[in-house]
Protein backbone atom coordinates (compact mmCIF):
# COMPACT_ATOMS: atom_id res chain seq x y z
CA UNK A 1 0.00 0.00 0.00
CA UNK A 2 1.22 3.50 -0.83
CA UNK A 3 -0.48 6.76 0.09
CA UNK A 4 0.53 10.40 0.06
CA UNK A 5 1.05 12.07 3.42
CA UNK A 6 1.88 15.61 2.35
CA UNK A 7 2.44 17.66 -0.81
CA UNK A 8 1.95 21.39 -1.40
CA UNK A 9 0.83 20.90 -5.02
CA UNK A 10 3.92 22.57 -6.49
CA UNK A 11 5.36 20.33 -9.25
CA UNK A 12 8.85 20.98 -7.81
CA UNK A 13 7.68 20.67 -4.22
CA UNK A 14 8.46 17.92 -1.77
CA UNK A 15 5.97 15.07 -1.42
CA UNK A 16 5.94 12.60 1.47
CA UNK A 17 4.63 9.06 0.85
CA UNK A 18 3.69 6.31 3.31
CA UNK A 19 4.54 2.75 2.24
CA UNK A 20 3.25 -0.32 4.06
CA UNK A 21 3.42 -4.00 3.16
CA UNK A 22 1.14 -6.89 4.20
CA UNK A 23 3.50 -7.81 7.07
CA UNK A 24 3.04 -4.41 8.73
CA UNK A 25 6.43 -3.05 7.72
CA UNK A 26 6.37 0.61 6.78
CA UNK A 27 8.57 3.39 5.43
CA UNK A 28 8.24 7.07 4.61
CA UNK A 29 9.57 8.27 1.26
CA UNK A 30 10.50 11.86 0.41
CA UNK A 31 10.15 12.72 -3.30
CA UNK A 32 10.88 15.90 -5.26
CA UNK A 33 11.12 16.66 -8.97
CA UNK A 34 14.31 18.72 -9.09
CA UNK A 35 14.50 19.11 -12.89
CA UNK A 36 13.46 22.78 -13.06
CA UNK A 37 15.70 23.79 -10.14
CA UNK A 38 18.76 21.99 -11.57
CA UNK A 39 18.14 23.45 -15.04
CA UNK A 40 17.96 26.92 -13.47
CA UNK A 41 21.25 26.32 -11.64
CA UNK A 42 23.07 25.26 -14.82
CA UNK A 43 21.64 28.21 -16.76
CA UNK A 44 22.76 30.55 -13.98
CA UNK A 45 26.26 29.01 -14.04
CA UNK A 46 26.49 29.85 -17.72
CA UNK A 47 25.32 33.48 -17.39
CA UNK A 48 26.19 34.57 -13.85
CA UNK A 49 28.59 37.49 -13.31
CA UNK A 50 31.16 36.17 -10.83
CA UNK A 51 32.75 39.59 -10.23
CA UNK A 52 32.16 40.32 -6.57
CA UNK A 53 34.03 41.77 -3.65
CA UNK A 54 34.41 40.33 -0.18
CA UNK A 55 31.34 41.04 1.91
CA UNK A 56 28.93 41.16 -1.04
CA UNK A 57 26.17 38.61 -0.96
CA UNK A 58 25.96 36.19 -3.85
CA UNK A 59 23.98 33.11 -4.77
CA UNK A 60 26.38 30.17 -5.09
CA UNK A 61 24.00 27.20 -4.89
CA UNK A 62 20.40 26.09 -4.65
CA UNK A 63 20.08 22.77 -2.84
CA UNK A 64 16.74 20.93 -3.06
CA UNK A 65 15.30 19.65 0.25
CA UNK A 66 15.62 16.02 -0.95
CA UNK A 67 19.38 16.56 -1.39
CA UNK A 68 19.67 18.20 2.05
CA UNK A 69 18.05 15.07 3.52
CA UNK A 70 20.20 12.74 1.39
CA UNK A 71 23.42 14.46 2.50
CA UNK A 72 22.28 14.20 6.13
CA UNK A 73 21.71 10.46 5.75
CA UNK A 74 24.73 9.60 3.59
CA UNK A 75 27.39 11.95 4.95
CA UNK A 76 26.02 13.22 8.28
CA UNK A 77 26.16 16.79 6.94
CA UNK A 78 23.80 19.42 8.36
CA UNK A 79 23.33 22.01 5.59
CA UNK A 80 21.45 24.32 7.96
CA UNK A 81 24.15 24.44 10.61
CA UNK A 82 26.14 27.66 11.04
CA UNK A 83 29.09 25.65 12.37
CA UNK A 84 32.12 26.43 10.15
CA UNK A 85 33.11 22.74 10.07
CA UNK A 86 29.66 21.76 8.77
CA UNK A 87 29.76 24.54 6.19
CA UNK A 88 33.18 23.30 4.99
CA UNK A 89 31.61 19.87 4.45
CA UNK A 90 28.79 21.46 2.44
CA UNK A 91 31.34 23.43 0.39
CA UNK A 92 33.31 20.23 -0.32
CA UNK A 93 30.18 18.51 -1.58
CA UNK A 94 29.21 21.51 -3.71
CA UNK A 95 32.70 21.60 -5.22
CA UNK A 96 32.48 17.90 -6.11
CA UNK A 97 31.80 16.99 -9.73
CA UNK A 98 29.01 14.71 -8.47
CA UNK A 99 26.93 17.69 -7.32
CA UNK A 100 27.88 20.41 -9.84
CA UNK A 101 24.26 21.02 -10.87
CA UNK A 102 23.53 22.38 -7.40
CA UNK A 103 25.94 25.25 -8.01
CA UNK A 104 24.75 28.55 -9.50
CA UNK A 105 28.28 29.98 -9.57
CA UNK A 106 31.25 28.28 -11.21
CA UNK A 107 33.84 29.75 -8.86
CA UNK A 108 35.16 27.53 -6.09
CA UNK A 109 33.81 28.15 -2.60
C-alpha atoms as a PDB file:
ATOM      1  CA  UNK A   1       0.000   0.000   0.000  1.00  0.00           C
ATOM      2  CA  UNK A   2       1.217   3.503  -0.831  1.00  0.00           C
ATOM      3  CA  UNK A   3      -0.484   6.761   0.087  1.00  0.00           C
ATOM      4  CA  UNK A   4       0.526  10.397   0.061  1.00  0.00           C
ATOM      5  CA  UNK A   5       1.046  12.072   3.416  1.00  0.00           C
ATOM      6  CA  UNK A   6       1.878  15.611   2.353  1.00  0.00           C
ATOM      7  CA  UNK A   7       2.436  17.665  -0.805  1.00  0.00           C
ATOM      8  CA  UNK A   8       1.951  21.390  -1.400  1.00  0.00           C
ATOM      9  CA  UNK A   9       0.827  20.903  -5.022  1.00  0.00           C
ATOM     10  CA  UNK A  10       3.918  22.575  -6.486  1.00  0.00           C
ATOM     11  CA  UNK A  11       5.364  20.330  -9.247  1.00  0.00           C
ATOM     12  CA  UNK A  12       8.851  20.981  -7.806  1.00  0.00           C
ATOM     13  CA  UNK A  13       7.684  20.673  -4.218  1.00  0.00           C
ATOM     14  CA  UNK A  14       8.457  17.920  -1.773  1.00  0.00           C
ATOM     15  CA  UNK A  15       5.968  15.067  -1.419  1.00  0.00           C
ATOM     16  CA  UNK A  16       5.936  12.602   1.468  1.00  0.00           C
ATOM     17  CA  UNK A  17       4.627   9.064   0.849  1.00  0.00           C
ATOM     18  CA  UNK A  18       3.689   6.315   3.314  1.00  0.00           C
ATOM     19  CA  UNK A  19       4.540   2.746   2.238  1.00  0.00           C
ATOM     20  CA  UNK A  20       3.249  -0.322   4.063  1.00  0.00           C
ATOM     21  CA  UNK A  21       3.415  -3.998   3.161  1.00  0.00           C
ATOM     22  CA  UNK A  22       1.140  -6.886   4.203  1.00  0.00           C
ATOM     23  CA  UNK A  23       3.498  -7.811   7.071  1.00  0.00           C
ATOM     24  CA  UNK A  24       3.040  -4.410   8.729  1.00  0.00           C
ATOM     25  CA  UNK A  25       6.432  -3.050   7.716  1.00  0.00           C
ATOM     26  CA  UNK A  26       6.375   0.613   6.781  1.00  0.00           C
ATOM     27  CA  UNK A  27       8.571   3.395   5.433  1.00  0.00           C
ATOM     28  CA  UNK A  28       8.237   7.067   4.610  1.00  0.00           C
ATOM     29  CA  UNK A  29       9.565   8.268   1.258  1.00  0.00           C
ATOM     30  CA  UNK A  30      10.505  11.863   0.414  1.00  0.00           C
ATOM     31  CA  UNK A  31      10.146  12.716  -3.302  1.00  0.00           C
ATOM     32  CA  UNK A  32      10.880  15.896  -5.260  1.00  0.00           C
ATOM     33  CA  UNK A  33      11.118  16.658  -8.975  1.00  0.00           C
ATOM     34  CA  UNK A  34      14.308  18.716  -9.094  1.00  0.00           C
ATOM     35  CA  UNK A  35      14.496  19.111 -12.894  1.00  0.00           C
ATOM     36  CA  UNK A  36      13.456  22.781 -13.063  1.00  0.00           C
ATOM     37  CA  UNK A  37      15.701  23.789 -10.144  1.00  0.00           C
ATOM     38  CA  UNK A  38      18.756  21.991 -11.566  1.00  0.00           C
ATOM     39  CA  UNK A  39      18.140  23.447 -15.041  1.00  0.00           C
ATOM     40  CA  UNK A  40      17.961  26.924 -13.468  1.00  0.00           C
ATOM     41  CA  UNK A  41      21.248  26.321 -11.641  1.00  0.00           C
ATOM     42  CA  UNK A  42      23.071  25.259 -14.822  1.00  0.00           C
ATOM     43  CA  UNK A  43      21.635  28.210 -16.761  1.00  0.00           C
ATOM     44  CA  UNK A  44      22.757  30.549 -13.982  1.00  0.00           C
ATOM     45  CA  UNK A  45      26.265  29.008 -14.036  1.00  0.00           C
ATOM     46  CA  UNK A  46      26.487  29.853 -17.725  1.00  0.00           C
ATOM     47  CA  UNK A  47      25.317  33.475 -17.390  1.00  0.00           C
ATOM     48  CA  UNK A  48      26.193  34.573 -13.851  1.00  0.00           C
ATOM     49  CA  UNK A  49      28.586  37.489 -13.315  1.00  0.00           C
ATOM     50  CA  UNK A  50      31.156  36.174 -10.829  1.00  0.00           C
ATOM     51  CA  UNK A  51      32.753  39.589 -10.225  1.00  0.00           C
ATOM     52  CA  UNK A  52      32.163  40.318  -6.566  1.00  0.00           C
ATOM     53  CA  UNK A  53      34.033  41.772  -3.653  1.00  0.00           C
ATOM     54  CA  UNK A  54      34.414  40.328  -0.179  1.00  0.00           C
ATOM     55  CA  UNK A  55      31.335  41.042   1.911  1.00  0.00           C
ATOM     56  CA  UNK A  56      28.932  41.161  -1.038  1.00  0.00           C
ATOM     57  CA  UNK A  57      26.167  38.610  -0.958  1.00  0.00           C
ATOM     58  CA  UNK A  58      25.955  36.190  -3.847  1.00  0.00           C
ATOM     59  CA  UNK A  59      23.980  33.111  -4.765  1.00  0.00           C
ATOM     60  CA  UNK A  60      26.377  30.166  -5.087  1.00  0.00           C
ATOM     61  CA  UNK A  61      23.998  27.204  -4.895  1.00  0.00           C
ATOM     62  CA  UNK A  62      20.400  26.092  -4.652  1.00  0.00           C
ATOM     63  CA  UNK A  63      20.079  22.771  -2.839  1.00  0.00           C
ATOM     64  CA  UNK A  64      16.741  20.929  -3.055  1.00  0.00           C
ATOM     65  CA  UNK A  65      15.299  19.647   0.245  1.00  0.00           C
ATOM     66  CA  UNK A  66      15.624  16.024  -0.948  1.00  0.00           C
ATOM     67  CA  UNK A  67      19.382  16.558  -1.387  1.00  0.00           C
ATOM     68  CA  UNK A  68      19.665  18.204   2.046  1.00  0.00           C
ATOM     69  CA  UNK A  69      18.051  15.073   3.523  1.00  0.00           C
ATOM     70  CA  UNK A  70      20.199  12.744   1.387  1.00  0.00           C
ATOM     71  CA  UNK A  71      23.415  14.456   2.502  1.00  0.00           C
ATOM     72  CA  UNK A  72      22.282  14.203   6.128  1.00  0.00           C
ATOM     73  CA  UNK A  73      21.708  10.459   5.754  1.00  0.00           C
ATOM     74  CA  UNK A  74      24.728   9.598   3.595  1.00  0.00           C
ATOM     75  CA  UNK A  75      27.388  11.952   4.952  1.00  0.00           C
ATOM     76  CA  UNK A  76      26.024  13.223   8.278  1.00  0.00           C
ATOM     77  CA  UNK A  77      26.158  16.792   6.938  1.00  0.00           C
ATOM     78  CA  UNK A  78      23.801  19.421   8.364  1.00  0.00           C
ATOM     79  CA  UNK A  79      23.330  22.007   5.590  1.00  0.00           C
ATOM     80  CA  UNK A  80      21.454  24.323   7.962  1.00  0.00           C
ATOM     81  CA  UNK A  81      24.154  24.445  10.615  1.00  0.00           C
ATOM     82  CA  UNK A  82      26.144  27.659  11.039  1.00  0.00           C
ATOM     83  CA  UNK A  83      29.094  25.649  12.372  1.00  0.00           C
ATOM     84  CA  UNK A  84      32.119  26.430  10.150  1.00  0.00           C
ATOM     85  CA  UNK A  85      33.109  22.736  10.073  1.00  0.00           C
ATOM     86  CA  UNK A  86      29.663  21.759   8.774  1.00  0.00           C
ATOM     87  CA  UNK A  87      29.761  24.541   6.191  1.00  0.00           C
ATOM     88  CA  UNK A  88      33.178  23.300   4.990  1.00  0.00           C
ATOM     89  CA  UNK A  89      31.605  19.870   4.449  1.00  0.00           C
ATOM     90  CA  UNK A  90      28.787  21.463   2.443  1.00  0.00           C
ATOM     91  CA  UNK A  91      31.342  23.425   0.393  1.00  0.00           C
ATOM     92  CA  UNK A  92      33.314  20.227  -0.318  1.00  0.00           C
ATOM     93  CA  UNK A  93      30.177  18.507  -1.583  1.00  0.00           C
ATOM     94  CA  UNK A  94      29.206  21.509  -3.715  1.00  0.00           C
ATOM     95  CA  UNK A  95      32.702  21.599  -5.218  1.00  0.00           C
ATOM     96  CA  UNK A  96      32.476  17.905  -6.107  1.00  0.00           C
ATOM     97  CA  UNK A  97      31.803  16.991  -9.734  1.00  0.00           C
ATOM     98  CA  UNK A  98      29.009  14.709  -8.475  1.00  0.00           C
ATOM     99  CA  UNK A  99      26.931  17.686  -7.317  1.00  0.00           C
ATOM    100  CA  UNK A 100      27.879  20.410  -9.843  1.00  0.00           C
ATOM    101  CA  UNK A 101      24.261  21.022 -10.872  1.00  0.00           C
ATOM    102  CA  UNK A 102      23.528  22.384  -7.404  1.00  0.00           C
ATOM    103  CA  UNK A 103      25.943  25.254  -8.010  1.00  0.00           C
ATOM    104  CA  UNK A 104      24.748  28.546  -9.498  1.00  0.00           C
ATOM    105  CA  UNK A 105      28.279  29.982  -9.568  1.00  0.00           C
ATOM    106  CA  UNK A 106      31.251  28.281 -11.215  1.00  0.00           C
ATOM    107  CA  UNK A 107      33.838  29.750  -8.860  1.00  0.00           C
ATOM    108  CA  UNK A 108      35.155  27.530  -6.092  1.00  0.00           C
ATOM    109  CA  UNK A 109      33.811  28.154  -2.601  1.00  0.00           C
END
